[in-house]
Amino acid sequence: MKKHAILTLVVTALGVATLPVPAQVLTAEQVPAAVKQAFQKKFPAVKLVEWKIKTDENYEAEFTLKGTDIAAKFDPAGKWLETESAIAPSKIPQAVRATIAKQFKGYKVVESQTLQRLNEARPIYELHLENAKEIVKAQFSDGGAILNQSAKPNAAETKSAK
């Protein structure tokens, strides 16, 4: 009992209990048949896929198609949910760039992609922006409106502070 209490105290003190759990890599055999069938129907030309199960219990297929890195998400029944496609910063709409220049002065774009989601006709632009203190993940409409955003401390800043 004493060992359990000490272990609980150590785990809690280290914050291990609150760390996010990364996606788990799966073999194709671990992916439900309905998910694999839906993937093949949506992306028939793709042969090489890395599968993951995300913390929301949906399945993600990561692959390259025509030189573009893509991640497609499906629910356990095989229903397509969204597709993220990497894009060059030059493909970011001018309205989105204007919002970044105004709202994220001093940040640089470190990752850019489009999101296509079920029941949404227009693409969403997801950008990862970074400055010395934080990394921001923000989603924009093609008109430049910020749809949502989240931030976390920049790991480089955290290391230099120690």
Protein backbone atom coordinates (compact mmCIF):
# COMPACT_ATOMS: atom_id res chain seq x y z
CA MET A 1 0.00 0.00 0.00
CA LYS A 2 2.82 2.36 0.90
CA LYS A 3 4.57 1.66 -2.44
CA HIS A 4 1.33 2.38 -4.31
CA ALA A 5 0.90 5.71 -2.50
CA ILE A 6 4.50 6.73 -3.27
CA LEU A 7 4.13 5.73 -6.92
CA THR A 8 0.88 7.70 -7.18
CA LEU A 9 2.57 10.71 -5.61
CA VAL A 10 5.53 10.49 -8.01
CA VAL A 11 3.30 10.04 -11.06
CA THR A 12 1.14 12.98 -10.01
CA ALA A 13 4.15 15.18 -9.20
CA LEU A 14 5.71 14.47 -12.58
CA GLY A 15 2.47 15.22 -14.34
CA VAL A 16 2.57 11.88 -16.12
CA ALA A 17 -1.13 11.38 -15.54
CA THR A 18 -1.91 14.54 -17.53
CA LEU A 19 0.43 14.00 -20.48
CA PRO A 20 -1.32 13.60 -23.83
CA VAL A 21 -1.17 10.11 -25.24
CA PRO A 22 0.23 10.06 -28.77
CA ALA A 23 -1.52 8.17 -31.53
CA GLN A 24 -0.75 4.46 -31.54
CA VAL A 25 0.70 3.00 -34.73
CA LEU A 26 -1.22 -0.05 -35.98
CA THR A 27 -0.58 -2.84 -38.43
CA ALA A 28 -3.10 -3.18 -41.26
CA GLU A 29 -4.43 -6.32 -39.54
CA GLN A 30 -5.41 -4.23 -36.50
CA VAL A 31 -7.57 -1.87 -38.57
CA PRO A 32 -11.25 -2.85 -38.94
CA ALA A 33 -12.20 -4.16 -42.38
CA ALA A 34 -14.86 -1.44 -42.79
CA VAL A 35 -12.20 1.26 -42.27
CA LYS A 36 -9.81 -0.30 -44.79
CA GLN A 37 -12.62 -0.73 -47.34
CA ALA A 38 -13.73 2.90 -46.96
CA PHE A 39 -10.12 4.03 -47.33
CA GLN A 40 -9.63 1.98 -50.53
CA LYS A 41 -12.86 3.36 -51.97
CA LYS A 42 -11.85 6.98 -51.25
CA PHE A 43 -8.16 6.59 -52.20
CA PRO A 44 -7.95 3.66 -54.68
CA ALA A 45 -4.50 4.62 -56.01
CA VAL A 46 -2.81 4.46 -52.59
CA LYS A 47 -0.97 1.26 -51.73
CA LEU A 48 1.43 2.25 -48.93
CA VAL A 49 -0.35 3.42 -45.76
CA GLU A 50 0.66 3.91 -42.13
CA TRP A 51 -2.31 3.40 -39.81
CA LYS A 52 -2.80 4.99 -36.40
CA ILE A 53 -5.57 5.03 -33.86
CA LYS A 54 -6.04 8.49 -32.42
CA THR A 55 -6.98 9.43 -28.86
CA ASP A 56 -10.55 10.05 -30.07
CA GLU A 57 -10.61 6.34 -31.13
CA ASN A 58 -10.84 7.19 -34.82
CA TYR A 59 -8.46 5.69 -37.37
CA GLU A 60 -5.99 7.77 -39.33
CA ALA A 61 -4.29 6.71 -42.54
CA GLU A 62 -1.08 8.57 -43.37
CA PHE A 63 0.23 8.36 -46.91
CA THR A 64 1.71 10.27 -49.83
CA LEU A 65 -0.32 10.86 -52.98
CA LYS A 66 1.19 12.62 -56.00
CA GLY A 67 3.99 13.98 -53.80
CA THR A 68 1.64 15.39 -51.14
CA ASP A 69 1.63 14.19 -47.50
CA ILE A 70 -1.94 13.33 -46.53
CA ALA A 71 -3.72 12.08 -43.42
CA ALA A 72 -7.31 10.81 -43.71
CA LYS A 73 -9.45 10.09 -40.67
CA PHE A 74 -12.25 7.50 -40.44
CA ASP A 75 -14.52 6.48 -37.59
CA PRO A 76 -14.51 2.80 -36.43
CA ALA A 77 -17.45 2.00 -38.74
CA GLY A 78 -15.52 3.25 -41.78
CA LYS A 79 -17.21 6.64 -42.19
CA TRP A 80 -14.79 9.22 -43.64
CA LEU A 81 -14.42 12.22 -41.32
CA GLU A 82 -11.67 14.43 -42.72
CA THR A 83 -8.57 14.64 -44.87
CA GLU A 84 -5.56 16.85 -44.12
CA SER A 85 -3.27 17.66 -47.05
CA ALA A 86 0.05 19.47 -46.73
CA ILE A 87 0.31 22.61 -48.85
CA ALA A 88 3.11 25.02 -49.64
CA PRO A 89 2.87 28.36 -47.81
CA SER A 90 2.44 30.01 -51.23
CA LYS A 91 -0.93 28.21 -51.54
CA ILE A 92 -2.34 29.93 -48.44
CA PRO A 93 -5.08 32.37 -49.56
CA GLN A 94 -4.24 36.08 -49.37
CA ALA A 95 -7.07 36.67 -46.87
CA VAL A 96 -5.54 34.10 -44.50
CA ARG A 97 -2.08 35.64 -44.92
CA ALA A 98 -3.53 39.06 -44.08
CA THR A 99 -5.05 37.69 -40.86
CA ILE A 100 -1.74 36.06 -39.91
CA ALA A 101 0.14 39.31 -40.52
CA LYS A 102 -2.33 41.20 -38.31
CA GLN A 103 -3.08 38.67 -35.54
CA PHE A 104 0.21 36.75 -35.39
CA LYS A 105 2.86 39.43 -35.86
CA GLY A 106 6.31 37.96 -35.16
CA TYR A 107 5.22 34.35 -35.81
CA LYS A 108 6.49 32.20 -38.65
CA VAL A 109 4.49 29.50 -40.42
CA VAL A 110 6.10 26.11 -39.71
CA GLU A 111 3.38 23.88 -41.16
CA SER A 112 0.46 24.51 -43.50
CA GLN A 113 -2.32 22.24 -44.67
CA THR A 114 -5.86 22.17 -45.93
CA LEU A 115 -8.62 20.26 -44.17
CA GLN A 116 -11.60 18.82 -45.94
CA ARG A 117 -14.31 17.61 -43.59
CA LEU A 118 -17.54 15.72 -43.88
CA ASN A 119 -20.46 18.13 -44.33
CA GLU A 120 -18.20 21.12 -45.11
CA ALA A 121 -17.97 22.20 -48.73
CA ARG A 122 -15.17 24.75 -48.33
CA PRO A 123 -11.63 23.88 -47.27
CA ILE A 124 -10.23 24.92 -43.91
CA TYR A 125 -6.65 26.12 -43.71
CA GLU A 126 -4.75 24.84 -40.68
CA LEU A 127 -1.46 26.50 -39.88
CA HIS A 128 1.10 25.89 -37.18
CA LEU A 129 2.73 29.20 -36.27
CA GLU A 130 5.66 29.66 -33.96
CA ASN A 131 7.55 32.37 -32.15
CA ALA A 132 10.17 32.12 -29.40
CA LYS A 133 7.54 31.51 -26.70
CA GLU A 134 4.78 29.40 -28.21
CA ILE A 135 3.49 27.26 -31.05
CA VAL A 136 -0.04 28.09 -32.19
CA LYS A 137 -2.27 25.77 -34.19
CA ALA A 138 -4.93 27.85 -35.89
CA GLN A 139 -7.68 27.06 -38.38
CA PHE A 140 -8.92 29.64 -40.87
CA SER A 141 -11.74 29.94 -43.37
CA ASP A 142 -10.67 30.73 -46.92
CA GLY A 143 -11.89 34.27 -46.20
CA GLY A 144 -9.34 34.68 -43.40
CA ALA A 145 -11.60 34.25 -40.36
CA ILE A 146 -10.03 32.40 -37.42
CA LEU A 147 -12.23 29.36 -36.78
CA ASN A 148 -10.31 28.13 -33.74
CA GLN A 149 -6.84 28.12 -32.27
CA SER A 150 -4.80 26.56 -29.51
CA ALA A 151 -1.31 27.21 -28.20
CA LYS A 152 1.39 25.38 -26.32
CA PRO A 153 4.78 26.52 -25.07
CA ASN A 154 7.58 26.32 -27.60
CA ALA A 155 9.82 23.40 -26.58
CA ALA A 156 12.94 25.40 -27.52
CA GLU A 157 11.83 28.16 -25.12
CA THR A 158 11.11 25.64 -22.35
CA LYS A 159 14.58 24.09 -22.71
CA SER A 160 16.35 27.45 -22.71
CA ALA A 161 14.49 28.52 -19.57
CA LYS A 162 15.94 25.62 -17.58
